[in-house]
C-alpha cells in the first residue's frame, strides 16, 4: 500500500470519527428539547432527526469509501463520493 493510499485512508477514517463525534453531540442536543418553547419544538425536532439521519448515512458512506480505497476498488469510491457531494450541495442549497 502506497503512502497516498495510507494518507487517504487515514483522512477518510478521521472524517468518520469527526462525524461520530457530531452524532454524539446531536444526542446531547436532543436532551435539551424540553427547554425549547412548544411552538418551535416540533420544527427543531424534525431538523435534528434529519441531521442525525444524514450523519449516519454519511458515516456508512465514509466507511464504504474507506474499504473501497483500501482494496483499490475505484468504482465504488467514485460512486459514493458523487452521492456524498451531491447531498452536501443539496443540503446547502436549501
PDB file of N, CA and C in Angstrom:
ATOM      1  N   UNK A   1       0.856  -1.169   0.000  1.00  0.00           N
ATOM      2  CA  UNK A   1       0.000   0.000   0.000  1.00  0.00           C
ATOM      3  C   UNK A   1       0.905   1.237   0.000  1.00  0.00           C
ATOM      4  N   UNK A   2       0.652   2.140  -0.954  1.00  0.00           N
ATOM      5  CA  UNK A   2       1.466   3.337  -1.070  1.00  0.00           C
ATOM      6  C   UNK A   2       1.102   4.388  -0.041  1.00  0.00           C
ATOM      7  N   UNK A   3       1.975   5.372   0.068  1.00  0.00           N
ATOM      8  CA  UNK A   3       1.770   6.447   1.055  1.00  0.00           C
ATOM      9  C   UNK A   3       0.507   7.245   0.751  1.00  0.00           C
ATOM     10  N   UNK A   4       0.196   7.439  -0.532  1.00  0.00           N
ATOM     11  CA  UNK A   4      -1.004   8.195  -0.887  1.00  0.00           C
ATOM     12  C   UNK A   4      -2.263   7.458  -0.424  1.00  0.00           C
ATOM     13  N   UNK A   5      -2.287   6.151  -0.587  1.00  0.00           N
ATOM     14  CA  UNK A   5      -3.441   5.367  -0.158  1.00  0.00           C
ATOM     15  C   UNK A   5      -3.557   5.373   1.366  1.00  0.00           C
ATOM     16  N   UNK A   6      -2.437   5.287   2.058  1.00  0.00           N
ATOM     17  CA  UNK A   6      -2.457   5.314   3.523  1.00  0.00           C
ATOM     18  C   UNK A   6      -2.985   6.657   4.022  1.00  0.00           C
ATOM     19  N   UNK A   7      -2.519   7.743   3.428  1.00  0.00           N
ATOM     20  CA  UNK A   7      -2.988   9.078   3.814  1.00  0.00           C
ATOM     21  C   UNK A   7      -4.479   9.219   3.513  1.00  0.00           C
ATOM     22  N   UNK A   8      -4.915   8.732   2.353  1.00  0.00           N
ATOM     23  CA  UNK A   8      -6.338   8.803   2.001  1.00  0.00           C
ATOM     24  C   UNK A   8      -7.190   8.029   2.991  1.00  0.00           C
ATOM     25  N   UNK A   9      -6.757   6.815   3.336  1.00  0.00           N
ATOM     26  CA  UNK A   9      -7.499   6.015   4.314  1.00  0.00           C
ATOM     27  C   UNK A   9      -7.542   6.700   5.675  1.00  0.00           C
ATOM     28  N   UNK A  10      -6.429   7.281   6.077  1.00  0.00           N
ATOM     29  CA  UNK A  10      -6.381   7.982   7.361  1.00  0.00           C
ATOM     30  C   UNK A  10      -7.347   9.166   7.362  1.00  0.00           C
ATOM     31  N   UNK A  11      -7.356   9.943   6.281  1.00  0.00           N
ATOM     32  CA  UNK A  11      -8.238  11.112   6.216  1.00  0.00           C
ATOM     33  C   UNK A  11      -9.712  10.708   6.222  1.00  0.00           C
ATOM     34  N   UNK A  12     -10.042   9.652   5.491  1.00  0.00           N
ATOM     35  CA  UNK A  12     -11.438   9.190   5.480  1.00  0.00           C
ATOM     36  C   UNK A  12     -11.817   8.672   6.865  1.00  0.00           C
ATOM     37  N   UNK A  13     -10.926   7.916   7.505  1.00  0.00           N
ATOM     38  CA  UNK A  13     -11.197   7.414   8.842  1.00  0.00           C
ATOM     39  C   UNK A  13     -11.362   8.564   9.837  1.00  0.00           C
ATOM     40  N   UNK A  14     -10.486   9.567   9.752  1.00  0.00           N
ATOM     41  CA  UNK A  14     -10.575  10.717  10.646  1.00  0.00           C
ATOM     42  C   UNK A  14     -11.882  11.479  10.409  1.00  0.00           C
ATOM     43  N   UNK A  15     -12.311  11.600   9.162  1.00  0.00           N
ATOM     44  CA  UNK A  15     -13.593  12.228   8.849  1.00  0.00           C
ATOM     45  C   UNK A  15     -14.755  11.467   9.469  1.00  0.00           C
ATOM     46  N   UNK A  16     -14.667  10.137   9.454  1.00  0.00           N
ATOM     47  CA  UNK A  16     -15.709   9.317  10.078  1.00  0.00           C
ATOM     48  C   UNK A  16     -15.745   9.542  11.583  1.00  0.00           C
ATOM     49  N   UNK A  17     -14.600   9.644  12.202  1.00  0.00           N
ATOM     50  CA  UNK A  17     -14.539   9.895  13.650  1.00  0.00           C
ATOM     51  C   UNK A  17     -15.169  11.250  13.977  1.00  0.00           C
ATOM     52  N   UNK A  18     -14.873  12.252  13.175  1.00  0.00           N
ATOM     53  CA  UNK A  18     -15.463  13.578  13.397  1.00  0.00           C
ATOM     54  C   UNK A  18     -16.985  13.505  13.278  1.00  0.00           C
ATOM     55  N   UNK A  19     -17.473  12.755  12.311  1.00  0.00           N
ATOM     56  CA  UNK A  19     -18.927  12.634  12.154  1.00  0.00           C
ATOM     57  C   UNK A  19     -19.550  11.882  13.323  1.00  0.00           C
ATOM     58  N   UNK A  20     -18.866  10.876  13.843  1.00  0.00           N
ATOM     59  CA  UNK A  20     -19.394  10.159  15.002  1.00  0.00           C
ATOM     60  C   UNK A  20     -19.422  11.055  16.239  1.00  0.00           C
ATOM     61  N   UNK A  21     -18.432  11.914  16.384  1.00  0.00           N
ATOM     62  CA  UNK A  21     -18.448  12.891  17.481  1.00  0.00           C
ATOM     63  C   UNK A  21     -19.643  13.832  17.324  1.00  0.00           C
ATOM     64  N   UNK A  22     -19.908  14.243  16.094  1.00  0.00           N
ATOM     65  CA  UNK A  22     -21.064  15.098  15.827  1.00  0.00           C
ATOM     66  C   UNK A  22     -22.367  14.372  16.155  1.00  0.00           C
ATOM     67  N   UNK A  23     -22.407  13.083  15.894  1.00  0.00           N
ATOM     68  CA  UNK A  23     -23.602  12.296  16.217  1.00  0.00           C
ATOM     69  C   UNK A  23     -23.846  12.271  17.720  1.00  0.00           C
ATOM     70  N   UNK A  24     -22.789  12.120  18.494  1.00  0.00           N
ATOM     71  CA  UNK A  24     -22.913  12.121  19.962  1.00  0.00           C
ATOM     72  C   UNK A  24     -23.365  13.496  20.452  1.00  0.00           C
ATOM     73  N   UNK A  25     -22.811  14.548  19.863  1.00  0.00           N
ATOM     74  CA  UNK A  25     -23.193  15.905  20.281  1.00  0.00           C
ATOM     75  C   UNK A  25     -24.649  16.193  19.916  1.00  0.00           C
ATOM     76  N   UNK A  26     -25.129  15.634  18.826  1.00  0.00           N
ATOM     77  CA  UNK A  26     -26.530  15.810  18.455  1.00  0.00           C
ATOM     78  C   UNK A  26     -27.434  15.134  19.477  1.00  0.00           C
ATOM     79  N   UNK A  27     -26.990  14.015  20.013  1.00  0.00           N
ATOM     80  CA  UNK A  27     -27.758  13.339  21.062  1.00  0.00           C
ATOM     81  C   UNK A  27     -27.891  14.239  22.285  1.00  0.00           C
ATOM     82  N   UNK A  28     -26.836  14.963  22.587  1.00  0.00           N
ATOM     83  CA  UNK A  28     -26.889  15.905  23.703  1.00  0.00           C
ATOM     84  C   UNK A  28     -27.896  17.027  23.435  1.00  0.00           C
ATOM     85  N   UNK A  29     -27.985  17.457  22.183  1.00  0.00           N
ATOM     86  CA  UNK A  29     -28.984  18.479  21.835  1.00  0.00           C
ATOM     87  C   UNK A  29     -30.405  17.956  22.017  1.00  0.00           C
ATOM     88  N   UNK A  30     -30.605  16.683  21.710  1.00  0.00           N
ATOM     89  CA  UNK A  30     -31.939  16.095  21.866  1.00  0.00           C
ATOM     90  C   UNK A  30     -32.372  16.111  23.337  1.00  0.00           C
ATOM     91  N   UNK A  31     -31.416  15.981  24.243  1.00  0.00           N
ATOM     92  CA  UNK A  31     -31.743  16.008  25.672  1.00  0.00           C
ATOM     93  C   UNK A  31     -32.218  17.391  26.113  1.00  0.00           C
ATOM     94  N   UNK A  32     -31.861  18.424  25.366  1.00  0.00           N
ATOM     95  CA  UNK A  32     -32.251  19.792  25.721  1.00  0.00           C
ATOM     96  C   UNK A  32     -33.607  20.200  25.140  1.00  0.00           C
ATOM     97  N   UNK A  33     -34.249  19.323  24.397  1.00  0.00           N
ATOM     98  CA  UNK A  33     -35.525  19.652  23.755  1.00  0.00           C
ATOM     99  C   UNK A  33     -36.617  20.096  24.731  1.00  0.00           C
ATOM    100  N   UNK A  34     -36.699  19.570  25.944  1.00  0.00           N
ATOM    101  CA  UNK A  34     -37.750  20.058  26.852  1.00  0.00           C
ATOM    102  C   UNK A  34     -37.633  21.546  27.179  1.00  0.00           C
ATOM    103  N   UNK A  35     -36.465  22.135  26.991  1.00  0.00           N
ATOM    104  CA  UNK A  35     -36.268  23.546  27.304  1.00  0.00           C
ATOM    105  C   UNK A  35     -36.601  24.470  26.132  1.00  0.00           C
ATOM    106  N   UNK A  36     -36.905  23.884  24.969  1.00  0.00           N
ATOM    107  CA  UNK A  36     -37.270  24.667  23.782  1.00  0.00           C
ATOM    108  C   UNK A  36     -38.760  24.983  23.875  1.00  0.00           C
ATOM    109  N   UNK A  37     -39.163  26.213  23.562  1.00  0.00           N
ATOM    110  CA  UNK A  37     -40.594  26.548  23.601  1.00  0.00           C
ATOM    111  C   UNK A  37     -41.410  25.624  22.683  1.00  0.00           C
ATOM    112  N   UNK A  38     -42.640  25.356  23.104  1.00  0.00           N
ATOM    113  CA  UNK A  38     -43.505  24.415  22.385  1.00  0.00           C
ATOM    114  C   UNK A  38     -43.687  24.774  20.914  1.00  0.00           C
ATOM    115  N   UNK A  39     -43.798  26.047  20.610  1.00  0.00           N
ATOM    116  CA  UNK A  39     -44.071  26.448  19.228  1.00  0.00           C
ATOM    117  C   UNK A  39     -42.899  26.164  18.296  1.00  0.00           C
ATOM    118  N   UNK A  40     -41.691  26.033  18.819  1.00  0.00           N
ATOM    119  CA  UNK A  40     -40.506  25.760  17.997  1.00  0.00           C
ATOM    120  C   UNK A  40     -40.044  24.309  18.092  1.00  0.00           C
ATOM    121  N   UNK A  41     -40.537  23.587  19.067  1.00  0.00           N
ATOM    122  CA  UNK A  41     -40.030  22.249  19.356  1.00  0.00           C
ATOM    123  C   UNK A  41     -40.222  21.276  18.197  1.00  0.00           C
ATOM    124  N   UNK A  42     -41.391  21.237  17.596  1.00  0.00           N
ATOM    125  CA  UNK A  42     -41.657  20.292  16.513  1.00  0.00           C
ATOM    126  C   UNK A  42     -40.771  20.539  15.302  1.00  0.00           C
ATOM    127  N   UNK A  43     -40.644  21.797  14.946  1.00  0.00           N
ATOM    128  CA  UNK A  43     -39.823  22.176  13.790  1.00  0.00           C
ATOM    129  C   UNK A  43     -38.358  21.815  14.043  1.00  0.00           C
ATOM    130  N   UNK A  44     -37.864  22.149  15.228  1.00  0.00           N
ATOM    131  CA  UNK A  44     -36.480  21.873  15.568  1.00  0.00           C
ATOM    132  C   UNK A  44     -36.216  20.368  15.671  1.00  0.00           C
ATOM    133  N   UNK A  45     -37.173  19.630  16.220  1.00  0.00           N
ATOM    134  CA  UNK A  45     -37.018  18.192  16.353  1.00  0.00           C
ATOM    135  C   UNK A  45     -36.904  17.513  14.991  1.00  0.00           C
ATOM    136  N   UNK A  46     -37.721  17.964  14.023  1.00  0.00           N
ATOM    137  CA  UNK A  46     -37.637  17.390  12.664  1.00  0.00           C
ATOM    138  C   UNK A  46     -36.250  17.599  12.078  1.00  0.00           C
ATOM    139  N   UNK A  47     -35.700  18.790  12.230  1.00  0.00           N
ATOM    140  CA  UNK A  47     -34.377  19.064  11.679  1.00  0.00           C
ATOM    141  C   UNK A  47     -33.281  18.282  12.405  1.00  0.00           C
ATOM    142  N   UNK A  48     -33.402  18.113  13.699  1.00  0.00           N
ATOM    143  CA  UNK A  48     -32.411  17.324  14.424  1.00  0.00           C
ATOM    144  C   UNK A  48     -32.445  15.861  14.011  1.00  0.00           C
ATOM    145  N   UNK A  49     -33.634  15.325  13.809  1.00  0.00           N
ATOM    146  CA  UNK A  49     -33.762  13.937  13.357  1.00  0.00           C
ATOM    147  C   UNK A  49     -33.208  13.787  11.945  1.00  0.00           C
ATOM    148  N   UNK A  50     -33.507  14.736  11.076  1.00  0.00           N
ATOM    149  CA  UNK A  50     -32.951  14.716   9.716  1.00  0.00           C
ATOM    150  C   UNK A  50     -31.430  14.810   9.765  1.00  0.00           C
ATOM    151  N   UNK A  51     -30.916  15.680  10.612  1.00  0.00           N
ATOM    152  CA  UNK A  51     -29.470  15.846  10.758  1.00  0.00           C
ATOM    153  C   UNK A  51     -28.809  14.550  11.216  1.00  0.00           C
ATOM    154  N   UNK A  52     -29.395  13.898  12.204  1.00  0.00           N
ATOM    155  CA  UNK A  52     -28.848  12.619  12.690  1.00  0.00           C
ATOM    156  C   UNK A  52     -28.897  11.549  11.617  1.00  0.00           C
ATOM    157  N   UNK A  53     -29.986  11.502  10.864  1.00  0.00           N
ATOM    158  CA  UNK A  53     -30.090  10.527   9.783  1.00  0.00           C
ATOM    159  C   UNK A  53     -29.031  10.743   8.716  1.00  0.00           C
ATOM    160  N   UNK A  54     -28.787  11.996   8.368  1.00  0.00           N
ATOM    161  CA  UNK A  54     -27.755  12.298   7.369  1.00  0.00           C
ATOM    162  C   UNK A  54     -26.365  11.962   7.890  1.00  0.00           C
ATOM    163  N   UNK A  55     -26.119  12.219   9.157  1.00  0.00           N
ATOM    164  CA  UNK A  55     -24.819  11.872   9.731  1.00  0.00           C
ATOM    165  C   UNK A  55     -24.599  10.364   9.649  1.00  0.00           C
ATOM    166  N   UNK A  56     -25.597   9.581  10.002  1.00  0.00           N
ATOM    167  CA  UNK A  56     -25.473   8.120   9.944  1.00  0.00           C
ATOM    168  C   UNK A  56     -25.255   7.665   8.506  1.00  0.00           C
ATOM    169  N   UNK A  57     -26.012   8.237   7.566  1.00  0.00           N
ATOM    170  CA  UNK A  57     -25.849   7.896   6.153  1.00  0.00           C
ATOM    171  C   UNK A  57     -24.431   8.205   5.678  1.00  0.00           C
ATOM    172  N   UNK A  58     -23.921   9.385   6.025  1.00  0.00           N
ATOM    173  CA  UNK A  58     -22.575   9.768   5.602  1.00  0.00           C
ATOM    174  C   UNK A  58     -21.506   8.904   6.264  1.00  0.00           C
ATOM    175  N   UNK A  59     -21.719   8.500   7.517  1.00  0.00           N
ATOM    176  CA  UNK A  59     -20.755   7.615   8.168  1.00  0.00           C
ATOM    177  C   UNK A  59     -20.640   6.290   7.415  1.00  0.00           C
ATOM    178  N   UNK A  60     -21.781   5.721   7.032  1.00  0.00           N
ATOM    179  CA  UNK A  60     -21.735   4.493   6.238  1.00  0.00           C
ATOM    180  C   UNK A  60     -21.054   4.737   4.895  1.00  0.00           C
ATOM    181  N   UNK A  61     -21.324   5.885   4.290  1.00  0.00           N
ATOM    182  CA  UNK A  61     -20.673   6.223   3.026  1.00  0.00           C
ATOM    183  C   UNK A  61     -19.172   6.357   3.188  1.00  0.00           C
ATOM    184  N   UNK A  62     -18.748   6.999   4.258  1.00  0.00           N
ATOM    185  CA  UNK A  62     -17.317   7.153   4.516  1.00  0.00           C
ATOM    186  C   UNK A  62     -16.660   5.791   4.714  1.00  0.00           C
ATOM    187  N   UNK A  63     -17.301   4.912   5.485  1.00  0.00           N
ATOM    188  CA  UNK A  63     -16.733   3.588   5.707  1.00  0.00           C
ATOM    189  C   UNK A  63     -16.672   2.785   4.409  1.00  0.00           C
ATOM    190  N   UNK A  64     -17.691   2.923   3.562  1.00  0.00           N
ATOM    191  CA  UNK A  64     -17.679   2.233   2.271  1.00  0.00           C
ATOM    192  C   UNK A  64     -16.543   2.749   1.397  1.00  0.00           C
ATOM    193  N   UNK A  65     -16.334   4.054   1.384  1.00  0.00           N
ATOM    194  CA  UNK A  65     -15.225   4.625   0.617  1.00  0.00           C
ATOM    195  C   UNK A  65     -13.888   4.175   1.208  1.00  0.00           C
ATOM    196  N   UNK A  66     -13.791   4.108   2.520  1.00  0.00           N
ATOM    197  CA  UNK A  66     -12.561   3.652   3.158  1.00  0.00           C
ATOM    198  C   UNK A  66     -12.204   2.243   2.709  1.00  0.00           C
ATOM    199  N   UNK A  67     -13.179   1.355   2.719  1.00  0.00           N
ATOM    200  CA  UNK A  67     -12.941  -0.022   2.273  1.00  0.00           C
ATOM    201  C   UNK A  67     -12.603  -0.043   0.782  1.00  0.00           C
ATOM    202  N   UNK A  68     -13.318   0.732  -0.015  1.00  0.00           N
ATOM    203  CA  UNK A  68     -13.066   0.756  -1.457  1.00  0.00           C
ATOM    204  C   UNK A  68     -11.671   1.272  -1.771  1.00  0.00           C
ATOM    205  N   UNK A  69     -11.221   2.286  -1.056  1.00  0.00           N
ATOM    206  CA  UNK A  69      -9.868   2.812  -1.277  1.00  0.00           C
ATOM    207  C   UNK A  69      -8.832   1.790  -0.828  1.00  0.00           C
ATOM    208  N   UNK A  70      -9.083   1.140   0.290  1.00  0.00           N
ATOM    209  CA  UNK A  70      -8.118   0.169   0.822  1.00  0.00           C
ATOM    210  C   UNK A  70      -7.929  -1.023  -0.114  1.00  0.00           C
ATOM    211  N   UNK A  71      -9.018  -1.471  -0.764  1.00  0.00           N
ATOM    212  CA  UNK A  71      -8.904  -2.630  -1.665  1.00  0.00           C
ATOM    213  C   UNK A  71      -8.753  -2.210  -3.119  1.00  0.00           C
ATOM    214  N   UNK A  72      -8.598  -0.902  -3.346  1.00  0.00           N
ATOM    215  CA  UNK A  72      -8.361  -0.352  -4.684  1.00  0.00           C
ATOM    216  C   UNK A  72      -9.537  -0.611  -5.638  1.00  0.00           C
ATOM    217  N   UNK A  73     -10.741  -0.457  -5.150  1.00  0.00           N
ATOM    218  CA  UNK A  73     -11.957  -0.624  -5.950  1.00  0.00           C
ATOM    219  C   UNK A  73     -12.508   0.777  -6.225  1.00  0.00           C
ATOM    220  N   UNK A  74     -12.064   1.378  -7.308  1.00  0.00           N
ATOM    221  CA  UNK A  74     -12.343   2.789  -7.562  1.00  0.00           C
ATOM    222  C   UNK A  74     -13.785   3.066  -7.942  1.00  0.00           C
ATOM    223  N   UNK A  75     -14.498   2.118  -8.524  1.00  0.00           N
ATOM    224  CA  UNK A  75     -15.871   2.363  -8.954  1.00  0.00           C
ATOM    225  C   UNK A  75     -16.759   2.715  -7.767  1.00  0.00           C
ATOM    226  N   UNK A  76     -16.650   1.962  -6.690  1.00  0.00           N
ATOM    227  CA  UNK A  76     -17.486   2.225  -5.513  1.00  0.00           C
ATOM    228  C   UNK A  76     -17.114   3.559  -4.888  1.00  0.00           C
ATOM    229  N   UNK A  77     -15.826   3.829  -4.739  1.00  0.00           N
ATOM    230  CA  UNK A  77     -15.429   5.074  -4.092  1.00  0.00           C
ATOM    231  C   UNK A  77     -15.856   6.283  -4.917  1.00  0.00           C
ATOM    232  N   UNK A  78     -15.766   6.205  -6.240  1.00  0.00           N
ATOM    233  CA  UNK A  78     -16.204   7.320  -7.082  1.00  0.00           C
ATOM    234  C   UNK A  78     -17.719   7.500  -7.001  1.00  0.00           C
ATOM    235  N   UNK A  79     -18.462   6.399  -6.989  1.00  0.00           N
ATOM    236  CA  UNK A  79     -19.920   6.471  -6.926  1.00  0.00           C
ATOM    237  C   UNK A  79     -20.374   7.066  -5.597  1.00  0.00           C
ATOM    238  N   UNK A  80     -19.817   6.567  -4.497  1.00  0.00           N
ATOM    239  CA  UNK A  80     -20.206   7.068  -3.175  1.00  0.00           C
ATOM    240  C   UNK A  80     -19.782   8.518  -3.005  1.00  0.00           C
ATOM    241  N   UNK A  81     -18.604   8.864  -3.489  1.00  0.00           N
ATOM    242  CA  UNK A  81     -18.154  10.251  -3.415  1.00  0.00           C
ATOM    243  C   UNK A  81     -19.104  11.167  -4.186  1.00  0.00           C
ATOM    244  N   UNK A  82     -19.559  10.719  -5.342  1.00  0.00           N
ATOM    245  CA  UNK A  82     -20.513  11.508  -6.121  1.00  0.00           C
ATOM    246  C   UNK A  82     -21.814  11.722  -5.358  1.00  0.00           C
ATOM    247  N   UNK A  83     -22.313  10.684  -4.712  1.00  0.00           N
ATOM    248  CA  UNK A  83     -23.546  10.804  -3.915  1.00  0.00           C
ATOM    249  C   UNK A  83     -23.336  11.767  -2.752  1.00  0.00           C
ATOM    250  N   UNK A  84     -22.216  11.635  -2.059  1.00  0.00           N
ATOM    251  CA  UNK A  84     -21.941  12.496  -0.907  1.00  0.00           C
ATOM    252  C   UNK A  84     -21.858  13.951  -1.342  1.00  0.00           C
ATOM    253  N   UNK A  85     -21.136  14.223  -2.404  1.00  0.00           N
ATOM    254  CA  UNK A  85     -21.002  15.605  -2.856  1.00  0.00           C
ATOM    255  C   UNK A  85     -22.342  16.162  -3.330  1.00  0.00           C
ATOM    256  N   UNK A  86     -23.157  15.328  -3.967  1.00  0.00           N
ATOM    257  CA  UNK A  86     -24.485  15.782  -4.375  1.00  0.00           C
ATOM    258  C   UNK A  86     -25.330  16.142  -3.159  1.00  0.00           C
ATOM    259  N   UNK A  87     -25.319  15.297  -2.146  1.00  0.00           N
ATOM    260  CA  UNK A  87     -26.137  15.563  -0.964  1.00  0.00           C
ATOM    261  C   UNK A  87     -25.626  16.767  -0.173  1.00  0.00           C
ATOM    262  N   UNK A  88     -24.323  16.963  -0.146  1.00  0.00           N
ATOM    263  CA  UNK A  88     -23.782  18.148   0.532  1.00  0.00           C
ATOM    264  C   UNK A  88     -24.249  19.401  -0.217  1.00  0.00           C
ATOM    265  N   UNK A  89     -24.165  19.376  -1.529  1.00  0.00           N
ATOM    266  CA  UNK A  89     -24.620  20.522  -2.319  1.00  0.00           C
ATOM    267  C   UNK A  89     -26.121  20.748  -2.129  1.00  0.00           C
ATOM    268  N   UNK A  90     -26.886  19.649  -2.096  1.00  0.00           N
ATOM    269  CA  UNK A  90     -28.335  19.755  -1.911  1.00  0.00           C
ATOM    270  C   UNK A  90     -28.665  20.365  -0.546  1.00  0.00           C
ATOM    271  N   UNK A  91     -27.933  19.944   0.484  1.00  0.00           N
ATOM    272  CA  UNK A  91     -28.242  20.462   1.832  1.00  0.00           C
ATOM    273  C   UNK A  91     -27.877  21.938   1.949  1.00  0.00           C
ATOM    274  N   UNK A  92     -26.861  22.409   1.230  1.00  0.00           N
ATOM    275  CA  UNK A  92     -26.508  23.817   1.275  1.00  0.00           C
ATOM    276  C   UNK A  92     -27.454  24.675   0.430  1.00  0.00           C
ATOM    277  N   UNK A  93     -28.095  24.077  -0.558  1.00  0.00           N
ATOM    278  CA  UNK A  93     -28.984  24.858  -1.415  1.00  0.00           C
ATOM    279  C   UNK A  93     -30.349  25.094  -0.779  1.00  0.00           C
ATOM    280  N   UNK A  94     -30.647  24.387   0.298  1.00  0.00           N
ATOM    281  CA  UNK A  94     -31.951  24.526   0.959  1.00  0.00           C
ATOM    282  C   UNK A  94     -31.958  25.695   1.814  1.00  0.00           C
TER     283      UNK A  94
END
